[in-house]
Amino acid sequence: MAKVLGLGGIFFKAEDPAALRDWYARVLGFDIHSWGGAIFKQPKTTTNWSPFAADTQYFAPSAAPFMINFIVDDIDGVLAKAAAEGVQSLGQQDEGGMGRFAWLLDPAGVKIELWQPAKGEPEA
């Protein structure tokens, strides 16, 4: 049966793509390739697809109609690196079986969710 197998990428417009690429490289450690993007080899985990209600406040304080979730191996280390670049965390929480989460805003005002999966298989 023909079906979608997973998320292939995130493509979006930005007012200053070069500055945004630089921020992601400095703050989140992205390895930006010469063609202008990054490639991630998927760790042993899952990718979620989840529409939210139009009036959700989960993406706040961002006005963007989307949020980007990045899987991280060391949430404390990523947050420390972000803080060293002057980026404040919007909060953190531990979801037990799902792992740990934290949130940032990128320079374009997009809310970034960092997810360090719990050891073992994540719950659906």
PDB file of N, CA and C in Angstrom:
ATOM      1  N   MET A   1       0.837  -1.177   0.000  1.00  0.00           N
ATOM      2  CA  MET A   1       0.000   0.000   0.000  1.00  0.00           C
ATOM      3  C   MET A   1       0.886   1.245   0.000  1.00  0.00           C
ATOM      4  N   ALA A   2       0.594   2.215  -0.824  1.00  0.00           N
ATOM      5  CA  ALA A   2       1.352   3.459  -0.874  1.00  0.00           C
ATOM      6  C   ALA A   2       0.984   4.325   0.318  1.00  0.00           C
ATOM      7  N   LYS A   3       2.003   4.798   1.047  1.00  0.00           N
ATOM      8  CA  LYS A   3       1.739   5.641   2.217  1.00  0.00           C
ATOM      9  C   LYS A   3       2.959   6.489   2.538  1.00  0.00           C
ATOM     10  N   VAL A   4       2.770   7.509   3.324  1.00  0.00           N
ATOM     11  CA  VAL A   4       3.862   8.364   3.779  1.00  0.00           C
ATOM     12  C   VAL A   4       4.634   7.607   4.847  1.00  0.00           C
ATOM     13  N   LEU A   5       5.967   7.670   4.780  1.00  0.00           N
ATOM     14  CA  LEU A   5       6.811   6.955   5.728  1.00  0.00           C
ATOM     15  C   LEU A   5       7.338   7.828   6.861  1.00  0.00           C
ATOM     16  N   GLY A   6       7.314   9.141   6.692  1.00  0.00           N
ATOM     17  CA  GLY A   6       7.819  10.001   7.757  1.00  0.00           C
ATOM     18  C   GLY A   6       8.055  11.408   7.261  1.00  0.00           C
ATOM     19  N   LEU A   7       8.585  12.240   8.115  1.00  0.00           N
ATOM     20  CA  LEU A   7       8.874  13.630   7.804  1.00  0.00           C
ATOM     21  C   LEU A   7      10.173  13.704   7.015  1.00  0.00           C
ATOM     22  N   GLY A   8      10.123  14.326   5.857  1.00  0.00           N
ATOM     23  CA  GLY A   8      11.303  14.433   5.011  1.00  0.00           C
ATOM     24  C   GLY A   8      12.070  15.725   5.183  1.00  0.00           C
ATOM     25  N   GLY A   9      11.441  16.743   5.715  1.00  0.00           N
ATOM     26  CA  GLY A   9      12.137  18.006   5.908  1.00  0.00           C
ATOM     27  C   GLY A   9      11.193  19.106   6.319  1.00  0.00           C
ATOM     28  N   ILE A  10      11.768  20.225   6.691  1.00  0.00           N
ATOM     29  CA  ILE A  10      11.018  21.427   7.032  1.00  0.00           C
ATOM     30  C   ILE A  10      11.554  22.534   6.142  1.00  0.00           C
ATOM     31  N   PHE A  11      10.675  23.145   5.379  1.00  0.00           N
ATOM     32  CA  PHE A  11      11.055  24.194   4.446  1.00  0.00           C
ATOM     33  C   PHE A  11      10.190  25.414   4.736  1.00  0.00           C
ATOM     34  N   PHE A  12      10.794  26.579   4.889  1.00  0.00           N
ATOM     35  CA  PHE A  12      10.035  27.764   5.270  1.00  0.00           C
ATOM     36  C   PHE A  12      10.740  29.018   4.790  1.00  0.00           C
ATOM     37  N   LYS A  13       9.996  30.108   4.736  1.00  0.00           N
ATOM     38  CA  LYS A  13      10.529  31.402   4.329  1.00  0.00           C
ATOM     39  C   LYS A  13      11.105  32.122   5.540  1.00  0.00           C
ATOM     40  N   ALA A  14      12.122  32.948   5.307  1.00  0.00           N
ATOM     41  CA  ALA A  14      12.698  33.761   6.374  1.00  0.00           C
ATOM     42  C   ALA A  14      13.129  35.094   5.785  1.00  0.00           C
ATOM     43  N   GLU A  15      12.988  36.161   6.561  1.00  0.00           N
ATOM     44  CA  GLU A  15      13.394  37.496   6.111  1.00  0.00           C
ATOM     45  C   GLU A  15      14.893  37.555   5.822  1.00  0.00           C
ATOM     46  N   ASP A  16      15.700  36.898   6.650  1.00  0.00           N
ATOM     47  CA  ASP A  16      17.159  36.906   6.487  1.00  0.00           C
ATOM     48  C   ASP A  16      17.667  35.474   6.670  1.00  0.00           C
ATOM     49  N   PRO A  17      17.584  34.646   5.614  1.00  0.00           N
ATOM     50  CA  PRO A  17      17.974  33.241   5.733  1.00  0.00           C
ATOM     51  C   PRO A  17      19.417  33.041   6.209  1.00  0.00           C
ATOM     52  N   ALA A  18      20.335  33.878   5.758  1.00  0.00           N
ATOM     53  CA  ALA A  18      21.740  33.714   6.154  1.00  0.00           C
ATOM     54  C   ALA A  18      21.901  33.920   7.655  1.00  0.00           C
ATOM     55  N   ALA A  19      21.276  34.959   8.201  1.00  0.00           N
ATOM     56  CA  ALA A  19      21.379  35.215   9.640  1.00  0.00           C
ATOM     57  C   ALA A  19      20.697  34.097  10.431  1.00  0.00           C
ATOM     58  N   LEU A  20      19.584  33.588   9.928  1.00  0.00           N
ATOM     59  CA  LEU A  20      18.883  32.510  10.624  1.00  0.00           C
ATOM     60  C   LEU A  20      19.715  31.229  10.608  1.00  0.00           C
ATOM     61  N   ARG A  21      20.338  30.926   9.458  1.00  0.00           N
ATOM     62  CA  ARG A  21      21.228  29.751   9.392  1.00  0.00           C
ATOM     63  C   ARG A  21      22.370  29.898  10.388  1.00  0.00           C
ATOM     64  N   ASP A  22      22.945  31.106  10.476  1.00  0.00           N
ATOM     65  CA  ASP A  22      24.047  31.349  11.406  1.00  0.00           C
ATOM     66  C   ASP A  22      23.589  31.142  12.844  1.00  0.00           C
ATOM     67  N   TRP A  23      22.392  31.623  13.202  1.00  0.00           N
ATOM     68  CA  TRP A  23      21.864  31.454  14.559  1.00  0.00           C
ATOM     69  C   TRP A  23      21.705  29.976  14.888  1.00  0.00           C
ATOM     70  N   TYR A  24      21.120  29.205  13.980  1.00  0.00           N
ATOM     71  CA  TYR A  24      20.928  27.773  14.225  1.00  0.00           C
ATOM     72  C   TYR A  24      22.268  27.042  14.352  1.00  0.00           C
ATOM     73  N   ALA A  25      23.262  27.479  13.592  1.00  0.00           N
ATOM     74  CA  ALA A  25      24.592  26.863  13.704  1.00  0.00           C
ATOM     75  C   ALA A  25      25.225  27.203  15.054  1.00  0.00           C
ATOM     76  N   ARG A  26      25.168  28.465  15.452  1.00  0.00           N
ATOM     77  CA  ARG A  26      25.782  28.894  16.715  1.00  0.00           C
ATOM     78  C   ARG A  26      25.041  28.377  17.948  1.00  0.00           C
ATOM     79  N   VAL A  27      23.724  28.521  17.954  1.00  0.00           N
ATOM     80  CA  VAL A  27      22.946  28.241  19.158  1.00  0.00           C
ATOM     81  C   VAL A  27      22.595  26.768  19.304  1.00  0.00           C
ATOM     82  N   LEU A  28      22.204  26.125  18.206  1.00  0.00           N
ATOM     83  CA  LEU A  28      21.770  24.732  18.293  1.00  0.00           C
ATOM     84  C   LEU A  28      22.749  23.741  17.666  1.00  0.00           C
ATOM     85  N   GLY A  29      23.867  24.242  17.144  1.00  0.00           N
ATOM     86  CA  GLY A  29      24.918  23.356  16.648  1.00  0.00           C
ATOM     87  C   GLY A  29      24.625  22.710  15.302  1.00  0.00           C
ATOM     88  N   PHE A  30      23.735  23.306  14.501  1.00  0.00           N
ATOM     89  CA  PHE A  30      23.439  22.748  13.174  1.00  0.00           C
ATOM     90  C   PHE A  30      24.692  22.765  12.305  1.00  0.00           C
ATOM     91  N   ASP A  31      24.905  21.705  11.557  1.00  0.00           N
ATOM     92  CA  ASP A  31      25.970  21.638  10.557  1.00  0.00           C
ATOM     93  C   ASP A  31      25.346  22.074   9.236  1.00  0.00           C
ATOM     94  N   ILE A  32      25.512  23.342   8.890  1.00  0.00           N
ATOM     95  CA  ILE A  32      24.891  23.905   7.686  1.00  0.00           C
ATOM     96  C   ILE A  32      25.758  23.577   6.471  1.00  0.00           C
ATOM     97  N   HIS A  33      25.151  22.953   5.470  1.00  0.00           N
ATOM     98  CA  HIS A  33      25.851  22.580   4.239  1.00  0.00           C
ATOM     99  C   HIS A  33      25.895  23.756   3.259  1.00  0.00           C
ATOM    100  N   SER A  34      26.750  23.663   2.269  1.00  0.00           N
ATOM    101  CA  SER A  34      26.941  24.751   1.308  1.00  0.00           C
ATOM    102  C   SER A  34      25.653  25.116   0.567  1.00  0.00           C
ATOM    103  N   TRP A  35      24.719  24.201   0.444  1.00  0.00           N
ATOM    104  CA  TRP A  35      23.460  24.489  -0.245  1.00  0.00           C
ATOM    105  C   TRP A  35      22.452  25.207   0.660  1.00  0.00           C
ATOM    106  N   GLY A  36      22.821  25.413   1.942  1.00  0.00           N
ATOM    107  CA  GLY A  36      22.012  26.251   2.817  1.00  0.00           C
ATOM    108  C   GLY A  36      21.140  25.538   3.825  1.00  0.00           C
ATOM    109  N   GLY A  37      21.238  24.237   3.943  1.00  0.00           N
ATOM    110  CA  GLY A  37      20.404  23.507   4.897  1.00  0.00           C
ATOM    111  C   GLY A  37      21.214  22.530   5.715  1.00  0.00           C
ATOM    112  N   ALA A  38      20.532  21.809   6.585  1.00  0.00           N
ATOM    113  CA  ALA A  38      21.158  20.800   7.440  1.00  0.00           C
ATOM    114  C   ALA A  38      20.461  19.465   7.215  1.00  0.00           C
ATOM    115  N   ILE A  39      21.203  18.395   7.400  1.00  0.00           N
ATOM    116  CA  ILE A  39      20.669  17.039   7.273  1.00  0.00           C
ATOM    117  C   ILE A  39      20.858  16.350   8.620  1.00  0.00           C
ATOM    118  N   PHE A  40      19.810  15.683   9.077  1.00  0.00           N
ATOM    119  CA  PHE A  40      19.880  14.967  10.347  1.00  0.00           C
ATOM    120  C   PHE A  40      19.636  13.492  10.095  1.00  0.00           C
ATOM    121  N   LYS A  41      20.536  12.681  10.564  1.00  0.00           N
ATOM    122  CA  LYS A  41      20.298  11.236  10.547  1.00  0.00           C
ATOM    123  C   LYS A  41      19.438  10.957  11.763  1.00  0.00           C
ATOM    124  N   GLN A  42      18.299  10.347  11.545  1.00  0.00           N
ATOM    125  CA  GLN A  42      17.321  10.142  12.609  1.00  0.00           C
ATOM    126  C   GLN A  42      17.858   9.207  13.687  1.00  0.00           C
ATOM    127  N   PRO A  43      17.912   9.710  14.942  1.00  0.00           N
ATOM    128  CA  PRO A  43      18.272   8.803  16.029  1.00  0.00           C
ATOM    129  C   PRO A  43      17.181   7.738  16.182  1.00  0.00           C
ATOM    130  N   LYS A  44      17.440   6.763  16.998  1.00  0.00           N
ATOM    131  CA  LYS A  44      16.450   5.702  17.203  1.00  0.00           C
ATOM    132  C   LYS A  44      15.291   6.262  18.011  1.00  0.00           C
ATOM    133  N   THR A  45      14.335   6.850  17.313  1.00  0.00           N
ATOM    134  CA  THR A  45      13.160   7.444  17.938  1.00  0.00           C
ATOM    135  C   THR A  45      12.076   7.590  16.892  1.00  0.00           C
ATOM    136  N   THR A  46      11.039   8.324  17.212  1.00  0.00           N
ATOM    137  CA  THR A  46       9.932   8.517  16.279  1.00  0.00           C
ATOM    138  C   THR A  46       9.815   9.978  15.899  1.00  0.00           C
ATOM    139  N   THR A  47       9.100  10.244  14.833  1.00  0.00           N
ATOM    140  CA  THR A  47       8.756  11.605  14.438  1.00  0.00           C
ATOM    141  C   THR A  47       7.248  11.733  14.568  1.00  0.00           C
ATOM    142  N   ASN A  48       6.803  12.813  15.179  1.00  0.00           N
ATOM    143  CA  ASN A  48       5.375  13.015  15.390  1.00  0.00           C
ATOM    144  C   ASN A  48       4.792  13.973  14.372  1.00  0.00           C
ATOM    145  N   TRP A  49       3.566  13.736  13.996  1.00  0.00           N
ATOM    146  CA  TRP A  49       2.773  14.633  13.162  1.00  0.00           C
ATOM    147  C   TRP A  49       1.496  14.884  13.935  1.00  0.00           C
ATOM    148  N   SER A  50       1.214  16.149  14.239  1.00  0.00           N
ATOM    149  CA  SER A  50       0.071  16.424  15.098  1.00  0.00           C
ATOM    150  C   SER A  50      -0.522  17.797  14.828  1.00  0.00           C
ATOM    151  N   PRO A  51      -1.707  17.857  14.198  1.00  0.00           N
ATOM    152  CA  PRO A  51      -2.380  19.149  14.050  1.00  0.00           C
ATOM    153  C   PRO A  51      -2.940  19.608  15.398  1.00  0.00           C
ATOM    154  N   PHE A  52      -2.910  20.900  15.615  1.00  0.00           N
ATOM    155  CA  PHE A  52      -3.455  21.495  16.832  1.00  0.00           C
ATOM    156  C   PHE A  52      -4.657  22.350  16.467  1.00  0.00           C
ATOM    157  N   ALA A  53      -5.500  22.639  17.421  1.00  0.00           N
ATOM    158  CA  ALA A  53      -6.643  23.527  17.199  1.00  0.00           C
ATOM    159  C   ALA A  53      -6.139  24.914  16.795  1.00  0.00           C
ATOM    160  N   ALA A  54      -6.902  25.606  15.975  1.00  0.00           N
ATOM    161  CA  ALA A  54      -6.501  26.923  15.476  1.00  0.00           C
ATOM    162  C   ALA A  54      -6.283  27.927  16.599  1.00  0.00           C
ATOM    163  N   ASP A  55      -6.937  27.744  17.733  1.00  0.00           N
ATOM    164  CA  ASP A  55      -6.802  28.690  18.839  1.00  0.00           C
ATOM    165  C   ASP A  55      -5.831  28.219  19.929  1.00  0.00           C
ATOM    166  N   THR A  56      -4.988  27.222  19.615  1.00  0.00           N
ATOM    167  CA  THR A  56      -4.043  26.723  20.617  1.00  0.00           C
ATOM    168  C   THR A  56      -3.095  27.834  21.072  1.00  0.00           C
ATOM    169  N   GLN A  57      -2.731  27.777  22.316  1.00  0.00           N
ATOM    170  CA  GLN A  57      -1.731  28.690  22.853  1.00  0.00           C
ATOM    171  C   GLN A  57      -0.385  27.977  23.037  1.00  0.00           C
ATOM    172  N   TYR A  58      -0.316  26.721  22.600  1.00  0.00           N
ATOM    173  CA  TYR A  58       0.892  25.916  22.790  1.00  0.00           C
ATOM    174  C   TYR A  58       2.090  26.500  22.043  1.00  0.00           C
ATOM    175  N   PHE A  59       1.865  27.212  20.938  1.00  0.00           N
ATOM    176  CA  PHE A  59       2.969  27.781  20.170  1.00  0.00           C
ATOM    177  C   PHE A  59       3.363  29.169  20.683  1.00  0.00           C
ATOM    178  N   ALA A  60       2.585  29.730  21.615  1.00  0.00           N
ATOM    179  CA  ALA A  60       2.870  31.055  22.165  1.00  0.00           C
ATOM    180  C   ALA A  60       4.213  31.027  22.900  1.00  0.00           C
ATOM    181  N   PRO A  61       4.950  32.100  22.906  1.00  0.00           N
ATOM    182  CA  PRO A  61       4.561  33.433  22.465  1.00  0.00           C
ATOM    183  C   PRO A  61       4.749  33.681  20.973  1.00  0.00           C
ATOM    184  N   SER A  62       5.092  32.669  20.203  1.00  0.00           N
ATOM    185  CA  SER A  62       5.258  32.836  18.765  1.00  0.00           C
ATOM    186  C   SER A  62       3.915  33.099  18.100  1.00  0.00           C
ATOM    187  N   ALA A  63       3.923  33.942  17.079  1.00  0.00           N
ATOM    188  CA  ALA A  63       2.720  34.191  16.284  1.00  0.00           C
ATOM    189  C   ALA A  63       2.674  33.250  15.072  1.00  0.00           C
ATOM    190  N   ALA A  64       3.739  32.471  14.870  1.00  0.00           N
ATOM    191  CA  ALA A  64       3.782  31.543  13.730  1.00  0.00           C
ATOM    192  C   ALA A  64       2.730  30.447  13.920  1.00  0.00           C
ATOM    193  N   PRO A  65       2.159  29.960  12.818  1.00  0.00           N
ATOM    194  CA  PRO A  65       1.138  28.913  12.918  1.00  0.00           C
ATOM    195  C   PRO A  65       1.738  27.513  13.051  1.00  0.00           C
ATOM    196  N   PHE A  66       3.007  27.434  13.413  1.00  0.00           N
ATOM    197  CA  PHE A  66       3.681  26.149  13.549  1.00  0.00           C
ATOM    198  C   PHE A  66       4.764  26.256  14.604  1.00  0.00           C
ATOM    199  N   MET A  67       5.248  25.116  15.031  1.00  0.00           N
ATOM    200  CA  MET A  67       6.354  25.027  15.980  1.00  0.00           C
ATOM    201  C   MET A  67       7.252  23.914  15.456  1.00  0.00           C
ATOM    202  N   ILE A  68       8.534  24.015  15.702  1.00  0.00           N
ATOM    203  CA  ILE A  68       9.464  22.983  15.257  1.00  0.00           C
ATOM    204  C   ILE A  68      10.005  22.253  16.478  1.00  0.00           C
ATOM    205  N   ASN A  69       9.957  20.932  16.442  1.00  0.00           N
ATOM    206  CA  ASN A  69      10.461  20.094  17.524  1.00  0.00           C
ATOM    207  C   ASN A  69      11.767  19.470  17.054  1.00  0.00           C
ATOM    208  N   PHE A  70      12.823  19.655  17.835  1.00  0.00           N
ATOM    209  CA  PHE A  70      14.113  19.048  17.522  1.00  0.00           C
ATOM    210  C   PHE A  70      14.475  18.042  18.604  1.00  0.00           C
ATOM    211  N   ILE A  71      14.920  16.868  18.192  1.00  0.00           N
ATOM    212  CA  ILE A  71      15.396  15.841  19.107  1.00  0.00           C
ATOM    213  C   ILE A  71      16.824  16.212  19.501  1.00  0.00           C
ATOM    214  N   VAL A  72      17.117  16.191  20.791  1.00  0.00           N
ATOM    215  CA  VAL A  72      18.465  16.503  21.269  1.00  0.00           C
ATOM    216  C   VAL A  72      18.984  15.364  22.135  1.00  0.00           C
ATOM    217  N   ASP A  73      20.292  15.261  22.214  1.00  0.00           N
ATOM    218  CA  ASP A  73      20.891  14.199  23.021  1.00  0.00           C
ATOM    219  C   ASP A  73      21.204  14.665  24.444  1.00  0.00           C
ATOM    220  N   ASP A  74      21.307  15.994  24.647  1.00  0.00           N
ATOM    221  CA  ASP A  74      21.670  16.546  25.956  1.00  0.00           C
ATOM    222  C   ASP A  74      20.967  17.889  26.104  1.00  0.00           C
ATOM    223  N   ILE A  75      19.765  17.876  26.623  1.00  0.00           N
ATOM    224  CA  ILE A  75      18.963  19.102  26.699  1.00  0.00           C
ATOM    225  C   ILE A  75      19.633  20.165  27.559  1.00  0.00           C
ATOM    226  N   ASP A  76      20.292  19.752  28.652  1.00  0.00           N
ATOM    227  CA  ASP A  76      20.980  20.723  29.506  1.00  0.00           C
ATOM    228  C   ASP A  76      22.132  21.383  28.765  1.00  0.00           C
ATOM    229  N   GLY A  77      22.867  20.594  27.986  1.00  0.00           N
ATOM    230  CA  GLY A  77      23.972  21.139  27.207  1.00  0.00           C
ATOM    231  C   GLY A  77      23.495  22.100  26.124  1.00  0.00           C
ATOM    232  N   VAL A  78      22.405  21.769  25.452  1.00  0.00           N
ATOM    233  CA  VAL A  78      21.858  22.659  24.416  1.00  0.00           C
ATOM    234  C   VAL A  78      21.372  23.959  25.051  1.00  0.00           C
ATOM    235  N   LEU A  79      20.693  23.855  26.186  1.00  0.00           N
ATOM    236  CA  LEU A  79      20.206  25.061  26.863  1.00  0.00           C
ATOM    237  C   LEU A  79      21.362  25.932  27.359  1.00  0.00           C
ATOM    238  N   ALA A  80      22.437  25.305  27.819  1.00  0.00           N
ATOM    239  CA  ALA A  80      23.612  26.063  28.262  1.00  0.00           C
ATOM    240  C   ALA A  80      24.245  26.788  27.075  1.00  0.00           C
ATOM    241  N   LYS A  81      24.338  26.114  25.946  1.00  0.00           N
ATOM    242  CA  LYS A  81      24.896  26.736  24.747  1.00  0.00           C
ATOM    243  C   LYS A  81      24.022  27.902  24.298  1.00  0.00           C
ATOM    244  N   ALA A  82      22.704  27.710  24.337  1.00  0.00           N
ATOM    245  CA  ALA A  82      21.775  28.782  23.960  1.00  0.00           C
ATOM    246  C   ALA A  82      21.926  29.967  24.914  1.00  0.00           C
ATOM    247  N   ALA A  83      22.003  29.692  26.205  1.00  0.00           N
ATOM    248  CA  ALA A  83      22.144  30.760  27.196  1.00  0.00           C
ATOM    249  C   ALA A  83      23.436  31.545  26.972  1.00  0.00           C
ATOM    250  N   ALA A  84      24.515  30.847  26.610  1.00  0.00           N
ATOM    251  CA  ALA A  84      25.793  31.510  26.330  1.00  0.00           C
ATOM    252  C   ALA A  84      25.680  32.446  25.129  1.00  0.00           C
ATOM    253  N   GLU A  85      24.697  32.185  24.250  1.00  0.00           N
ATOM    254  CA  GLU A  85      24.451  33.041  23.089  1.00  0.00           C
ATOM    255  C   GLU A  85      23.388  34.099  23.384  1.00  0.00           C
ATOM    256  N   GLY A  86      22.943  34.165  24.642  1.00  0.00           N
ATOM    257  CA  GLY A  86      21.958  35.162  25.030  1.00  0.00           C
ATOM    258  C   GLY A  86      20.513  34.764  24.780  1.00  0.00           C
ATOM    259  N   VAL A  87      20.275  33.476  24.528  1.00  0.00           N
ATOM    260  CA  VAL A  87      18.920  32.984  24.251  1.00  0.00           C
ATOM    261  C   VAL A  87      18.342  32.395  25.532  1.00  0.00           C
ATOM    262  N   GLN A  88      17.218  32.940  25.969  1.00  0.00           N
ATOM    263  CA  GLN A  88      16.579  32.466  27.189  1.00  0.00           C
ATOM    264  C   GLN A  88      15.606  31.337  26.894  1.00  0.00           C
ATOM    265  N   SER A  89      15.584  30.365  27.770  1.00  0.00           N
ATOM    266  CA  SER A  89      14.612  29.284  27.684  1.00  0.00           C
ATOM    267  C   SER A  89      13.236  29.834  28.036  1.00  0.00           C
ATOM    268  N   LEU A  90      12.209  29.336  27.350  1.00  0.00           N
ATOM    269  CA  LEU A  90      10.824  29.708  27.663  1.00  0.00           C
ATOM    270  C   LEU A  90      10.234  28.772  28.706  1.00  0.00           C
ATOM    271  N   GLY A  91      11.015  27.810  29.151  1.00  0.00           N
ATOM    272  CA  GLY A  91      10.552  26.863  30.151  1.00  0.00           C
ATOM    273  C   GLY A  91      11.040  25.466  29.854  1.00  0.00           C
ATOM    274  N   GLN A  92      10.861  24.590  30.830  1.00  0.00           N
ATOM    275  CA  GLN A  92      11.268  23.189  30.714  1.00  0.00           C
ATOM    276  C   GLN A  92      10.255  22.335  31.450  1.00  0.00           C
ATOM    277  N   GLN A  93      10.157  21.075  31.054  1.00  0.00           N
ATOM    278  CA  GLN A  93       9.375  20.124  31.842  1.00  0.00           C
ATOM    279  C   GLN A  93       9.825  18.712  31.530  1.00  0.00           C
ATOM    280  N   ASP A  94       9.588  17.848  32.475  1.00  0.00           N
ATOM    281  CA  ASP A  94       9.918  16.436  32.359  1.00  0.00           C
ATOM    282  C   ASP A  94       8.609  15.684  32.216  1.00  0.00           C
ATOM    283  N   GLU A  95       8.479  14.937  31.131  1.00  0.00           N
ATOM    284  CA  GLU A  95       7.255  14.181  30.868  1.00  0.00           C
ATOM    285  C   GLU A  95       7.437  12.698  31.152  1.00  0.00           C
ATOM    286  N   GLY A  96       8.323  12.380  32.076  1.00  0.00           N
ATOM    287  CA  GLY A  96       8.499  10.989  32.480  1.00  0.00           C
ATOM    288  C   GLY A  96       8.801  10.065  31.320  1.00  0.00           C
ATOM    289  N   GLY A  97       7.836   9.256  30.928  1.00  0.00           N
ATOM    290  CA  GLY A  97       8.024   8.268  29.872  1.00  0.00           C
ATOM    291  C   GLY A  97       8.334   8.852  28.508  1.00  0.00           C
ATOM    292  N   MET A  98       7.968  10.104  28.274  1.00  0.00           N
ATOM    293  CA  MET A  98       8.248  10.751  26.987  1.00  0.00           C
ATOM    294  C   MET A  98       9.618  11.411  26.961  1.00  0.00           C
ATOM    295  N   GLY A  99      10.135  11.804  28.099  1.00  0.00           N
ATOM    296  CA  GLY A  99      11.430  12.462  28.154  1.00  0.00           C
ATOM    297  C   GLY A  99      11.318  13.888  28.660  1.00  0.00           C
ATOM    298  N   ARG A 100      12.307  14.694  28.307  1.00  0.00           N
ATOM    299  CA  ARG A 100      12.385  16.077  28.769  1.00  0.00           C
ATOM    300  C   ARG A 100      12.174  17.032  27.603  1.00  0.00           C
ATOM    301  N   PHE A 101      11.545  18.174  27.902  1.00  0.00           N
ATOM    302  CA  PHE A 101      11.241  19.185  26.900  1.00  0.00           C
ATOM    303  C   PHE A 101      11.708  20.551  27.383  1.00  0.00           C
ATOM    304  N   ALA A 102      12.063  21.417  26.444  1.00  0.00           N
ATOM    305  CA  ALA A 102      12.364  22.815  26.734  1.00  0.00           C
ATOM    306  C   ALA A 102      12.008  23.613  25.478  1.00  0.00           C
ATOM    307  N   TRP A 103      11.836  24.927  25.649  1.00  0.00           N
ATOM    308  CA  TRP A 103      11.394  25.754  24.530  1.00  0.00           C
ATOM    309  C   TRP A 103      12.227  27.019  24.428  1.00  0.00           C
ATOM    310  N   LEU A 104      12.442  27.453  23.182  1.00  0.00           N
ATOM    311  CA  LEU A 104      13.167  28.677  22.844  1.00  0.00           C
ATOM    312  C   LEU A 104      12.418  29.375  21.715  1.00  0.00           C
ATOM    313  N   LEU A 105      12.748  30.633  21.470  1.00  0.00           N
ATOM    314  CA  LEU A 105      12.293  31.322  20.257  1.00  0.00           C
ATOM    315  C   LEU A 105      13.514  31.570  19.394  1.00  0.00           C
ATOM    316  N   ASP A 106      13.392  31.325  18.088  1.00  0.00           N
ATOM    317  CA  ASP A 106      14.494  31.654  17.188  1.00  0.00           C
ATOM    318  C   ASP A 106      14.367  33.122  16.781  1.00  0.00           C
ATOM    319  N   PRO A 107      15.361  33.687  16.069  1.00  0.00           N
ATOM    320  CA  PRO A 107      15.312  35.110  15.709  1.00  0.00           C
ATOM    321  C   PRO A 107      14.127  35.474  14.816  1.00  0.00           C
ATOM    322  N   ALA A 108      13.528  34.506  14.136  1.00  0.00           N
ATOM    323  CA  ALA A 108      12.355  34.773  13.289  1.00  0.00           C
ATOM    324  C   ALA A 108      11.066  34.707  14.105  1.00  0.00           C
ATOM    325  N   GLY A 109      11.169  34.439  15.403  1.00  0.00           N
ATOM    326  CA  GLY A 109       9.994  34.374  16.257  1.00  0.00           C
ATOM    327  C   GLY A 109       9.296  33.027  16.257  1.00  0.00           C
ATOM    328  N   VAL A 110       9.952  31.996  15.734  1.00  0.00           N
ATOM    329  CA  VAL A 110       9.375  30.655  15.707  1.00  0.00           C
ATOM    330  C   VAL A 110       9.708  29.937  17.016  1.00  0.00           C
ATOM    331  N   LYS A 111       8.698  29.329  17.602  1.00  0.00           N
ATOM    332  CA  LYS A 111       8.928  28.575  18.833  1.00  0.00           C
ATOM    333  C   LYS A 111       9.595  27.256  18.489  1.00  0.00           C
ATOM    334  N   ILE A 112      10.675  26.963  19.195  1.00  0.00           N
ATOM    335  CA  ILE A 112      11.446  25.742  19.021  1.00  0.00           C
ATOM    336  C   ILE A 112      11.223  24.885  20.259  1.00  0.00           C
ATOM    337  N   GLU A 113      10.816  23.652  20.052  1.00  0.00           N
ATOM    338  CA  GLU A 113      10.678  22.709  21.152  1.00  0.00           C
ATOM    339  C   GLU A 113      11.850  21.741  21.084  1.00  0.00           C
ATOM    340  N   LEU A 114      12.594  21.645  22.165  1.00  0.00           N
ATOM    341  CA  LEU A 114      13.695  20.696  22.259  1.00  0.00           C
ATOM    342  C   LEU A 114      13.176  19.481  23.005  1.00  0.00           C
ATOM    343  N   TRP A 115      13.477  18.297  22.484  1.00  0.00           N
ATOM    344  CA  TRP A 115      13.000  17.064  23.099  1.00  0.00           C
ATOM    345  C   TRP A 115      14.155  16.102  23.278  1.00  0.00           C
ATOM    346  N   GLN A 116      14.428  15.746  24.526  1.00  0.00           N
ATOM    347  CA  GLN A 116      15.379  14.688  24.830  1.00  0.00           C
ATOM    348  C   GLN A 116      14.553  13.474  25.215  1.00  0.00           C
ATOM    349  N   PRO A 117      14.431  12.502  24.300  1.00  0.00           N
ATOM    350  CA  PRO A 117      13.583  11.334  24.581  1.00  0.00           C
ATOM    351  C   PRO A 117      14.063  10.585  25.821  1.00  0.00           C
ATOM    352  N   ALA A 118      13.106   9.971  26.496  1.00  0.00           N
ATOM    353  CA  ALA A 118      13.432   9.105  27.626  1.00  0.00           C
ATOM    354  C   ALA A 118      14.230   7.912  27.110  1.00  0.00           C
ATOM    355  N   LYS A 119      14.981   7.305  27.964  1.00  0.00           N
ATOM    356  CA  LYS A 119      15.720   6.101  27.576  1.00  0.00           C
ATOM    357  C   LYS A 119      14.724   5.035  27.166  1.00  0.00           C
ATOM    358  N   GLY A 120      15.038   4.291  26.122  1.00  0.00           N
ATOM    359  CA  GLY A 120      14.114   3.271  25.635  1.00  0.00           C
ATOM    360  C   GLY A 120      13.168   3.825  24.593  1.00  0.00           C
ATOM    361  N   GLU A 121      12.165   3.096  24.239  1.00  0.00           N
ATOM    362  CA  GLU A 121      11.214   3.508  23.223  1.00  0.00           C
ATOM    363  C   GLU A 121      10.252   4.566  23.751  1.00  0.00           C
ATOM    364  N   PRO A 122      10.044   5.657  22.981  1.00  0.00           N
ATOM    365  CA  PRO A 122       9.079   6.670  23.413  1.00  0.00           C
ATOM    366  C   PRO A 122       7.652   6.121  23.316  1.00  0.00           C
ATOM    367  N   GLU A 123       6.791   6.637  24.203  1.00  0.00           N
ATOM    368  CA  GLU A 123       5.394   6.246  24.169  1.00  0.00           C
ATOM    369  C   GLU A 123       4.681   7.036  23.090  1.00  0.00           C
ATOM    370  N   ALA A 124       3.677   6.474  22.483  1.00  0.00           N
ATOM    371  CA  ALA A 124       2.911   7.181  21.447  1.00  0.00           C
ATOM    372  C   ALA A 124       1.816   8.009  22.073  1.00  0.00           C
TER     373      ALA A 124
END
